[in-house]
PDB file of N, CA and C in Angstrom:
ATOM      1  N   MET A   1      20.328 -17.772  -9.741  1.00  0.00           N
ATOM      2  CA  MET A   1      18.828 -17.394 -10.017  1.00  0.00           C
ATOM      3  C   MET A   1      19.042 -16.903  -8.035  1.00  0.00           C
ATOM      4  N   TYR A   2      17.895 -16.383  -7.752  1.00  0.00           N
ATOM      5  CA  TYR A   2      17.859 -15.858  -6.537  1.00  0.00           C
ATOM      6  C   TYR A   2      16.734 -16.479  -5.434  1.00  0.00           C
ATOM      7  N   LEU A   3      16.982 -16.550  -4.082  1.00  0.00           N
ATOM      8  CA  LEU A   3      15.388 -16.731  -3.831  1.00  0.00           C
ATOM      9  C   LEU A   3      15.764 -16.847  -2.623  1.00  0.00           C
ATOM     10  N   SER A   4      16.600 -15.756  -2.376  1.00  0.00           N
ATOM     11  CA  SER A   4      15.897 -14.606  -1.058  1.00  0.00           C
ATOM     12  C   SER A   4      16.353 -13.287  -1.475  1.00  0.00           C
ATOM     13  N   SER A   5      15.876 -12.686  -0.205  1.00  0.00           N
ATOM     14  CA  SER A   5      15.722 -11.131  -1.208  1.00  0.00           C
ATOM     15  C   SER A   5      16.655 -10.385   0.551  1.00  0.00           C
ATOM     16  N   PHE A   6      17.688  -9.272   0.478  1.00  0.00           N
ATOM     17  CA  PHE A   6      18.055  -8.514   1.014  1.00  0.00           C
ATOM     18  C   PHE A   6      17.038  -6.882   1.369  1.00  0.00           C
ATOM     19  N   VAL A   7      16.870  -6.776   2.458  1.00  0.00           N
ATOM     20  CA  VAL A   7      16.503  -5.268   2.908  1.00  0.00           C
ATOM     21  C   VAL A   7      17.151  -4.620   3.494  1.00  0.00           C
ATOM     22  N   ILE A   8      17.829  -3.286   3.203  1.00  0.00           N
ATOM     23  CA  ILE A   8      18.193  -2.662   4.573  1.00  0.00           C
ATOM     24  C   ILE A   8      17.203  -1.290   4.845  1.00  0.00           C
ATOM     25  N   GLY A   9      17.949  -0.937   5.938  1.00  0.00           N
ATOM     26  CA  GLY A   9      17.060   0.565   6.397  1.00  0.00           C
ATOM     27  C   GLY A   9      15.664   0.422   7.191  1.00  0.00           C
ATOM     28  N   LEU A  10      15.934  -1.064   7.165  1.00  0.00           N
ATOM     29  CA  LEU A  10      14.362  -0.991   8.630  1.00  0.00           C
ATOM     30  C   LEU A  10      14.970  -0.856   9.327  1.00  0.00           C
ATOM     31  N   LYS A  11      13.546  -1.235  10.576  1.00  0.00           N
ATOM     32  CA  LYS A  11      13.679  -0.659  12.013  1.00  0.00           C
ATOM     33  C   LYS A  11      13.962  -1.824  12.450  1.00  0.00           C
ATOM     34  N   THR A  12      14.560  -2.427  13.284  1.00  0.00           N
ATOM     35  CA  THR A  12      14.653  -3.013  13.941  1.00  0.00           C
ATOM     36  C   THR A  12      13.329  -3.060  15.483  1.00  0.00           C
ATOM     37  N   GLU A  13      13.047  -4.191  15.717  1.00  0.00           N
ATOM     38  CA  GLU A  13      11.924  -4.875  16.824  1.00  0.00           C
ATOM     39  C   GLU A  13      10.680  -3.998  16.239  1.00  0.00           C
ATOM     40  N   VAL A  14      10.233  -3.935  14.945  1.00  0.00           N
ATOM     41  CA  VAL A  14       9.460  -3.473  14.375  1.00  0.00           C
ATOM     42  C   VAL A  14       8.492  -4.697  13.291  1.00  0.00           C
ATOM     43  N   LYS A  15       7.278  -4.638  13.401  1.00  0.00           N
ATOM     44  CA  LYS A  15       6.684  -6.123  12.373  1.00  0.00           C
ATOM     45  C   LYS A  15       6.706  -5.338  11.442  1.00  0.00           C
ATOM     46  N   PHE A  16       6.529  -6.280   9.986  1.00  0.00           N
ATOM     47  CA  PHE A  16       6.072  -5.739   8.769  1.00  0.00           C
ATOM     48  C   PHE A  16       5.507  -6.798   8.004  1.00  0.00           C
ATOM     49  N   LYS A  17       4.613  -6.134   7.274  1.00  0.00           N
ATOM     50  CA  LYS A  17       4.322  -7.649   6.520  1.00  0.00           C
ATOM     51  C   LYS A  17       4.965  -7.174   4.722  1.00  0.00           C
ATOM     52  N   PHE A  18       5.583  -7.926   3.856  1.00  0.00           N
ATOM     53  CA  PHE A  18       6.210  -8.285   2.667  1.00  0.00           C
ATOM     54  C   PHE A  18       4.916  -8.488   1.679  1.00  0.00           C
ATOM     55  N   ARG A  19       5.467  -8.245   0.772  1.00  0.00           N
ATOM     56  CA  ARG A  19       5.176  -8.587  -0.821  1.00  0.00           C
ATOM     57  C   ARG A  19       6.027  -8.639  -1.098  1.00  0.00           C
ATOM     58  N   ASP A  20       5.891  -9.957  -2.243  1.00  0.00           N
ATOM     59  CA  ASP A  20       7.409 -10.416  -3.262  1.00  0.00           C
ATOM     60  C   ASP A  20       6.671 -10.371  -4.340  1.00  0.00           C
ATOM     61  N   MET A  21       7.398 -10.427  -5.240  1.00  0.00           N
ATOM     62  CA  MET A  21       7.237 -10.610  -6.981  1.00  0.00           C
ATOM     63  C   MET A  21       8.372 -11.717  -7.156  1.00  0.00           C
ATOM     64  N   ALA A  22       8.096 -12.350  -7.969  1.00  0.00           N
ATOM     65  CA  ALA A  22       8.865 -13.600  -9.102  1.00  0.00           C
ATOM     66  C   ALA A  22       9.479 -12.752 -10.474  1.00  0.00           C
ATOM     67  N   GLU A  23       9.989 -12.863 -11.105  1.00  0.00           N
ATOM     68  CA  GLU A  23      10.556 -12.350 -11.904  1.00  0.00           C
ATOM     69  C   GLU A  23      11.877 -13.558 -13.302  1.00  0.00           C
ATOM     70  N   ASN A  24      11.048 -13.709 -14.065  1.00  0.00           N
ATOM     71  CA  ASN A  24      11.907 -15.040 -14.950  1.00  0.00           C
ATOM     72  C   ASN A  24      11.738 -14.553 -16.284  1.00  0.00           C
ATOM     73  N   MET A  25      12.019 -15.677 -17.223  1.00  0.00           N
ATOM     74  CA  MET A  25      12.017 -15.087 -18.399  1.00  0.00           C
ATOM     75  C   MET A  25      10.211 -15.320 -18.939  1.00  0.00           C
ATOM     76  N   TYR A  26       9.627 -15.541 -18.128  1.00  0.00           N
ATOM     77  CA  TYR A  26       8.213 -15.847 -18.705  1.00  0.00           C
ATOM     78  C   TYR A  26       7.486 -14.632 -18.581  1.00  0.00           C
ATOM     79  N   GLY A  27       7.933 -14.048 -17.665  1.00  0.00           N
ATOM     80  CA  GLY A  27       7.568 -12.229 -16.965  1.00  0.00           C
ATOM     81  C   GLY A  27       7.572 -12.355 -15.446  1.00  0.00           C
ATOM     82  N   ILE A  28       6.704 -11.058 -15.531  1.00  0.00           N
ATOM     83  CA  ILE A  28       6.512 -10.969 -13.378  1.00  0.00           C
ATOM     84  C   ILE A  28       5.170 -11.549 -13.006  1.00  0.00           C
ATOM     85  N   GLY A  29       5.835 -12.459 -11.858  1.00  0.00           N
ATOM     86  CA  GLY A  29       4.388 -13.704 -10.942  1.00  0.00           C
ATOM     87  C   GLY A  29       3.242 -12.320 -10.723  1.00  0.00           C
ATOM     88  N   GLN A  30       2.256 -13.196 -10.121  1.00  0.00           N
ATOM     89  CA  GLN A  30       1.588 -12.205  -9.328  1.00  0.00           C
ATOM     90  C   GLN A  30       2.689 -11.959  -7.979  1.00  0.00           C
ATOM     91  N   PRO A  31       2.027 -10.829  -7.043  1.00  0.00           N
ATOM     92  CA  PRO A  31       2.600 -10.567  -5.990  1.00  0.00           C
ATOM     93  C   PRO A  31       2.024 -12.016  -4.852  1.00  0.00           C
ATOM     94  N   LEU A  32       3.039 -12.308  -3.815  1.00  0.00           N
ATOM     95  CA  LEU A  32       2.513 -12.930  -2.896  1.00  0.00           C
ATOM     96  C   LEU A  32       3.239 -11.542  -1.379  1.00  0.00           C
ATOM     97  N   GLU A  33       1.742 -12.135  -0.119  1.00  0.00           N
ATOM     98  CA  GLU A  33       2.295 -11.360   0.789  1.00  0.00           C
ATOM     99  C   GLU A  33       2.105 -12.662   1.665  1.00  0.00           C
ATOM    100  N   THR A  34       3.195 -11.969   2.816  1.00  0.00           N
ATOM    101  CA  THR A  34       3.546 -12.429   4.440  1.00  0.00           C
ATOM    102  C   THR A  34       1.690 -12.637   4.425  1.00  0.00           C
ATOM    103  N   ASP A  35       1.475 -14.046   5.609  1.00  0.00           N
ATOM    104  CA  ASP A  35      -0.155 -14.636   6.167  1.00  0.00           C
ATOM    105  C   ASP A  35      -0.321 -13.269   7.354  1.00  0.00           C
ATOM    106  N   SER A  36       1.395 -12.997   7.918  1.00  0.00           N
ATOM    107  CA  SER A  36       1.612 -12.403   9.298  1.00  0.00           C
ATOM    108  C   SER A  36       2.567 -11.802   9.338  1.00  0.00           C
ATOM    109  N   PRO A  37       2.053 -10.521  10.391  1.00  0.00           N
ATOM    110  CA  PRO A  37       3.343  -9.561  10.157  1.00  0.00           C
ATOM    111  C   PRO A  37       4.669 -10.347  10.704  1.00  0.00           C
ATOM    112  N   VAL A  38       5.987  -9.868  10.286  1.00  0.00           N
ATOM    113  CA  VAL A  38       7.394 -10.372  10.703  1.00  0.00           C
ATOM    114  C   VAL A  38       7.987  -9.721  11.325  1.00  0.00           C
ATOM    115  N   LEU A  39       8.082 -10.315  12.322  1.00  0.00           N
ATOM    116  CA  LEU A  39       9.700  -9.190  13.450  1.00  0.00           C
ATOM    117  C   LEU A  39      10.782  -9.027  12.910  1.00  0.00           C
ATOM    118  N   VAL A  40      11.476  -7.424  12.829  1.00  0.00           N
ATOM    119  CA  VAL A  40      12.609  -7.398  12.222  1.00  0.00           C
ATOM    120  C   VAL A  40      13.402  -7.309  13.707  1.00  0.00           C
ATOM    121  N   LYS A  41      14.690  -8.067  13.275  1.00  0.00           N
ATOM    122  CA  LYS A  41      15.670  -8.220  14.654  1.00  0.00           C
ATOM    123  C   LYS A  41      16.820  -7.907  14.105  1.00  0.00           C
ATOM    124  N   ASN A  42      17.708  -7.537  14.849  1.00  0.00           N
ATOM    125  CA  ASN A  42      19.011  -7.219  14.495  1.00  0.00           C
ATOM    126  C   ASN A  42      20.147  -8.314  13.596  1.00  0.00           C
ATOM    127  N   ARG A  43      20.453  -8.096  12.952  1.00  0.00           N
ATOM    128  CA  ARG A  43      21.456  -8.946  12.176  1.00  0.00           C
ATOM    129  C   ARG A  43      22.468  -9.894  13.580  1.00  0.00           C
ATOM    130  N   PHE A  44      22.442 -10.988  13.178  1.00  0.00           N
ATOM    131  CA  PHE A  44      23.932 -11.588  13.883  1.00  0.00           C
ATOM    132  C   PHE A  44      25.155 -11.457  14.275  1.00  0.00           C
ATOM    133  N   GLY A  45      25.364 -10.669  14.851  1.00  0.00           N
ATOM    134  CA  GLY A  45      26.536 -10.266  15.492  1.00  0.00           C
ATOM    135  C   GLY A  45      26.431  -8.285  15.373  1.00  0.00           C
ATOM    136  N   GLU A  46      25.106  -8.097  14.775  1.00  0.00           N
ATOM    137  CA  GLU A  46      25.120  -6.863  14.421  1.00  0.00           C
ATOM    138  C   GLU A  46      24.476  -6.472  16.255  1.00  0.00           C
ATOM    139  N   LYS A  47      25.699  -4.617  16.764  1.00  0.00           N
ATOM    140  CA  LYS A  47      25.775  -4.043  17.408  1.00  0.00           C
ATOM    141  C   LYS A  47      24.663  -2.717  17.680  1.00  0.00           C
ATOM    142  N   THR A  48      24.147  -3.080  18.952  1.00  0.00           N
ATOM    143  CA  THR A  48      22.466  -1.867  19.246  1.00  0.00           C
ATOM    144  C   THR A  48      23.522  -1.110  19.989  1.00  0.00           C
ATOM    145  N   LEU A  49      23.324   0.477  19.872  1.00  0.00           N
ATOM    146  CA  LEU A  49      24.013   1.378  20.620  1.00  0.00           C
ATOM    147  C   LEU A  49      22.713   2.380  21.071  1.00  0.00           C
ATOM    148  N   PHE A  50      22.605   2.211  22.224  1.00  0.00           N
ATOM    149  CA  PHE A  50      21.493   3.319  23.010  1.00  0.00           C
ATOM    150  C   PHE A  50      22.312   4.575  23.767  1.00  0.00           C
TER     151      PHE A  50
END
């Protein structure tokens, strides 16, 4: 069972709203959306080149 998601290729220091749907043996659930935008930051230990 997965309780998290991993997304690659998002720009950092940008706010995004996310919508997610769960799927299990009974089917696909209704989508849930974040209440407010989420600020994407660099992952721990990731270096940024300017």
